[in-house]
Amino acid sequence: MIVGHIGARKGSKGVPGKNFRNLHGKPMIDWSLDQLLRNSRIDVVIVSTDDEEIYHHACTKDTLDIGMRPPDLCTDTASKWTVWQHSLAVTEAQIGPVSVFVDLDCTSPLRWDSDVNAALDQFAVERPDMLMSCCAARKNPYFNLVEPDETGALHVSKPLANHVVARQQAPEVYEHAASTYVLDPAYLKSAFSLFEGRVLPFLMPSERCVDIDSELDFKIVEFLMKDQICD
């Protein structure tokens, strides 16, 4: 049983109401929610939210009703991990054991349907505890990320003995892209945070990994999505 999950908290300091804000003709959440609903490999789709409008909207679609999110998971300090754990527990209480838990972040609506399938394929082959969407990092802590010391002088964040002088010489690093996650439910139940187990990268193009956390991000996504729609 593969469960697809969307988490959509009501509050947002950077972009108020962003999860239900109109984006090219439909609520932003639907760009991710509809991906799960039309994917034939996803057996059940659930939405975790403290927003009554989003909750009732989800109930009008082909989703399993898991109720409203409890108050302790509605603050901006509540972790994604504990929300996932709650959603899994409530879902399994209704439908029985879940074999794969898929989460799509609704603030990253640029992913393609093929990205979801590629993540499921990679998870089936490599069987990690979790796949986490990543993209190539624009800056590298071994080369061009710097930090001040106690005197204020700048140094490379992670210096190496061989003195990296070109980006190509630096170890490969990724950006954690809040887009697509695939988890083993047993790991989700037993761990306390993301990186306790064998967590592997699911690589996506950076242009499909824009996470909306500001009004500028929203405008960038609107622009990029318009380009995709026109194509």
Protein backbone atom coordinates (compact mmCIF):
# COMPACT_ATOMS: atom_id res chain seq x y z
CA MET A 1 0.00 0.00 0.00
CA ILE A 2 1.61 3.24 -1.16
CA VAL A 3 0.35 6.41 0.52
CA GLY A 4 0.80 9.86 -0.96
CA HIS A 5 0.91 12.71 1.54
CA ILE A 6 0.57 16.49 1.33
CA GLY A 7 1.27 18.71 4.32
CA ALA A 8 -0.28 22.18 4.14
CA ARG A 9 -0.12 24.31 7.27
CA LYS A 10 -2.30 27.42 7.40
CA GLY A 11 0.26 29.87 8.68
CA SER A 12 3.02 31.39 6.54
CA LYS A 13 5.03 34.44 7.48
CA GLY A 14 6.75 34.85 4.11
CA VAL A 15 3.73 34.38 1.83
CA PRO A 16 0.44 34.48 3.79
CA GLY A 17 -2.06 31.86 2.62
CA LYS A 18 0.37 30.55 0.02
CA ASN A 19 -0.77 26.91 0.06
CA PHE A 20 -4.23 27.83 -1.21
CA ARG A 21 -3.22 30.87 -3.23
CA ASN A 22 -4.19 30.88 -6.89
CA LEU A 23 -1.38 29.75 -9.13
CA HIS A 24 -2.17 29.63 -12.84
CA GLY A 25 -5.84 28.91 -12.33
CA LYS A 26 -5.95 26.62 -9.30
CA PRO A 27 -4.88 26.56 -5.65
CA MET A 28 -1.15 26.00 -5.30
CA ILE A 29 -1.72 22.81 -3.28
CA ASP A 30 -3.48 21.23 -6.26
CA TRP A 31 -0.37 21.22 -8.43
CA SER A 32 1.08 18.64 -6.03
CA LEU A 33 -2.15 17.04 -4.83
CA ASP A 34 -3.32 16.33 -8.38
CA GLN A 35 0.02 14.68 -9.16
CA LEU A 36 -0.62 12.14 -6.41
CA LEU A 37 -4.26 11.62 -7.34
CA ARG A 38 -3.51 10.86 -10.99
CA ASN A 39 -0.54 8.59 -10.28
CA SER A 40 -1.71 4.98 -10.69
CA ARG A 41 1.02 3.74 -8.33
CA ILE A 42 -0.33 5.76 -5.37
CA ASP A 43 -3.08 3.80 -3.61
CA VAL A 44 -4.24 6.37 -1.06
CA VAL A 45 -3.79 10.15 -0.88
CA ILE A 46 -3.98 12.10 2.39
CA VAL A 47 -3.73 15.78 3.31
CA SER A 48 -2.55 17.01 6.71
CA THR A 49 -3.67 20.55 7.44
CA ASP A 50 -4.93 22.92 10.13
CA ASP A 51 -6.65 25.09 7.51
CA GLU A 52 -10.40 24.46 7.34
CA GLU A 53 -10.59 25.69 3.74
CA ILE A 54 -7.85 23.32 2.62
CA TYR A 55 -9.33 20.48 4.68
CA HIS A 56 -12.78 20.80 3.10
CA HIS A 57 -11.20 21.24 -0.33
CA ALA A 58 -9.24 18.00 0.11
CA CYS A 59 -12.40 16.19 1.21
CA THR A 60 -14.08 17.12 -2.09
CA LYS A 61 -11.32 15.31 -3.96
CA ASP A 62 -10.49 11.60 -3.85
CA THR A 63 -8.53 11.72 -0.60
CA LEU A 64 -8.77 9.77 2.64
CA ASP A 65 -10.20 11.90 5.45
CA ILE A 66 -7.66 11.90 8.30
CA GLY A 67 -9.25 14.84 10.12
CA MET A 68 -7.66 18.16 11.02
CA ARG A 69 -4.08 18.34 12.22
CA PRO A 70 -3.80 18.47 16.05
CA PRO A 71 -2.87 21.86 17.61
CA ASP A 72 0.61 20.81 18.72
CA LEU A 73 1.54 20.20 15.07
CA CYS A 74 0.18 23.55 13.84
CA THR A 75 2.96 25.88 14.99
CA ASP A 76 5.86 27.11 12.88
CA THR A 77 8.20 25.12 15.14
CA ALA A 78 6.49 21.78 14.51
CA SER A 79 8.74 19.52 12.48
CA LYS A 80 7.88 17.94 9.16
CA TRP A 81 8.95 14.62 10.71
CA THR A 82 6.37 14.65 13.52
CA VAL A 83 3.65 15.69 11.05
CA TRP A 84 4.56 12.71 8.87
CA GLN A 85 4.49 10.38 11.88
CA HIS A 86 1.05 11.58 12.90
CA SER A 87 -0.31 11.27 9.35
CA LEU A 88 1.04 7.74 9.00
CA ALA A 89 -0.39 6.64 12.35
CA VAL A 90 -3.86 8.03 11.60
CA THR A 91 -3.83 6.50 8.11
CA GLU A 92 -2.75 3.04 9.23
CA ALA A 93 -5.45 3.09 11.91
CA GLN A 94 -7.98 3.37 9.07
CA ILE A 95 -6.56 1.26 6.24
CA GLY A 96 -3.92 -1.01 7.78
CA PRO A 97 -0.17 -1.31 7.09
CA VAL A 98 1.49 1.07 4.65
CA SER A 99 4.46 -0.15 2.59
CA VAL A 100 5.71 3.18 1.17
CA PHE A 101 5.09 6.77 2.32
CA VAL A 102 5.47 9.50 -0.32
CA ASP A 103 5.41 13.18 0.59
CA LEU A 104 5.18 16.01 -1.94
CA ASP A 105 5.84 19.51 -0.65
CA CYS A 106 3.08 21.73 -2.01
CA THR A 107 5.38 24.78 -1.93
CA SER A 108 7.42 23.16 -4.73
CA PRO A 109 4.88 22.90 -7.55
CA LEU A 110 7.35 22.70 -10.45
CA ARG A 111 8.11 18.97 -10.17
CA TRP A 112 6.96 16.79 -13.06
CA ASP A 113 4.82 13.65 -12.85
CA SER A 114 7.86 11.77 -14.12
CA ASP A 115 9.85 12.97 -11.08
CA VAL A 116 7.42 11.21 -8.74
CA ASN A 117 7.68 7.99 -10.73
CA ALA A 118 11.46 8.24 -10.92
CA ALA A 119 11.63 8.61 -7.13
CA LEU A 120 9.42 5.54 -6.65
CA ASP A 121 11.60 3.58 -9.08
CA GLN A 122 14.82 4.56 -7.30
CA PHE A 123 13.33 3.69 -3.92
CA ALA A 124 12.22 0.25 -5.17
CA VAL A 125 15.71 -0.53 -6.52
CA GLU A 126 17.94 0.91 -3.77
CA ARG A 127 15.64 0.35 -0.75
CA PRO A 128 16.98 3.16 1.46
CA ASP A 129 15.28 4.30 4.63
CA MET A 130 14.42 7.49 2.79
CA LEU A 131 14.91 9.29 -0.50
CA MET A 132 15.19 13.06 -0.29
CA SER A 133 14.97 15.34 -3.30
CA CYS A 134 18.19 17.26 -3.93
CA CYS A 135 19.71 19.37 -6.67
CA ALA A 136 23.22 20.51 -7.49
CA ALA A 137 24.36 23.14 -4.99
CA ARG A 138 25.02 26.60 -6.38
CA LYS A 139 27.71 27.23 -3.76
CA ASN A 140 30.24 24.80 -2.29
CA PRO A 141 31.51 24.95 1.33
CA TYR A 142 34.89 23.53 0.20
CA PHE A 143 35.40 26.32 -2.33
CA ASN A 144 33.18 29.42 -2.32
CA LEU A 145 31.18 29.40 0.92
CA VAL A 146 32.99 31.43 3.57
CA GLU A 147 32.48 32.24 7.25
CA PRO A 148 34.13 34.69 9.67
CA ASP A 149 36.44 33.64 12.48
CA GLU A 150 36.51 35.25 15.93
CA THR A 151 38.33 38.29 14.49
CA GLY A 152 35.85 38.74 11.66
CA ALA A 153 38.26 37.52 8.99
CA LEU A 154 36.79 35.25 6.33
CA HIS A 155 37.81 31.65 5.68
CA VAL A 156 36.47 28.86 3.50
CA SER A 157 33.78 27.05 5.51
CA LYS A 158 35.26 23.55 5.04
CA PRO A 159 38.94 23.93 4.11
CA LEU A 160 40.79 20.94 2.69
CA ALA A 161 44.49 20.17 3.00
CA ASN A 162 44.98 20.24 -0.77
CA HIS A 163 43.69 23.85 -1.06
CA VAL A 164 40.89 23.66 -3.59
CA VAL A 165 41.39 26.40 -6.20
CA ALA A 166 38.62 25.43 -8.65
CA ARG A 167 35.05 24.31 -8.11
CA GLN A 168 35.70 21.13 -10.09
CA GLN A 169 38.28 20.05 -7.48
CA ALA A 170 35.81 20.33 -4.59
CA PRO A 171 33.79 17.37 -3.29
CA GLU A 172 30.26 17.20 -4.69
CA VAL A 173 27.58 18.69 -2.46
CA TYR A 174 23.82 18.98 -2.90
CA GLU A 175 21.09 21.35 -1.85
CA HIS A 176 18.24 19.76 0.06
CA ALA A 177 15.29 20.57 -2.20
CA ALA A 178 11.97 20.54 -0.35
CA SER A 179 10.02 18.78 -3.07
CA THR A 180 9.79 15.00 -3.05
CA TYR A 181 10.37 12.38 -0.34
CA VAL A 182 9.89 8.61 -0.32
CA LEU A 183 10.13 6.78 3.01
CA ASP A 184 10.05 3.33 4.50
CA PRO A 185 7.22 3.55 7.08
CA ALA A 186 9.20 1.43 9.54
CA TYR A 187 11.95 4.05 9.51
CA LEU A 188 9.44 6.88 9.88
CA LYS A 189 7.97 5.20 12.95
CA SER A 190 11.27 4.44 14.68
CA ALA A 191 13.47 7.46 13.92
CA PHE A 192 13.29 10.86 15.54
CA SER A 193 14.58 12.97 12.64
CA LEU A 194 15.48 12.89 8.95
CA PHE A 195 19.09 11.76 8.94
CA GLU A 196 19.23 8.87 11.41
CA GLY A 197 19.10 6.16 8.79
CA ARG A 198 20.28 5.55 5.22
CA VAL A 199 19.02 8.66 3.46
CA LEU A 200 19.85 8.87 -0.24
CA PRO A 201 19.56 11.80 -2.66
CA PHE A 202 16.91 11.85 -5.35
CA LEU A 203 18.45 14.23 -7.84
CA MET A 204 16.24 16.72 -9.66
CA PRO A 205 17.06 19.62 -11.97
CA SER A 206 17.41 22.85 -10.01
CA GLU A 207 14.78 24.57 -12.16
CA ARG A 208 12.16 22.14 -10.80
CA CYS A 209 13.24 22.60 -7.17
CA VAL A 210 12.21 26.20 -6.45
CA ASP A 211 10.58 26.27 -3.00
CA ILE A 212 8.16 29.13 -2.39
CA ASP A 213 9.15 30.90 0.82
CA SER A 214 8.81 34.54 -0.25
CA GLU A 215 6.86 36.73 -2.65
CA LEU A 216 9.88 36.72 -4.97
CA ASP A 217 9.85 32.91 -4.99
CA PHE A 218 6.16 32.97 -5.88
CA LYS A 219 6.82 35.30 -8.83
CA ILE A 220 9.70 33.09 -10.01
CA VAL A 221 7.51 29.99 -9.89
CA GLU A 222 4.69 31.79 -11.69
CA PHE A 223 7.12 32.74 -14.45
CA LEU A 224 8.72 29.30 -14.76
CA MET A 225 5.35 27.55 -14.67
CA LYS A 226 4.01 29.80 -17.41
CA ASP A 227 6.97 28.76 -19.54
CA GLN A 228 6.25 25.07 -18.85
CA ILE A 229 2.55 25.46 -19.65
CA CYS A 230 3.36 27.20 -22.93
CA ASP A 231 5.74 24.39 -23.87
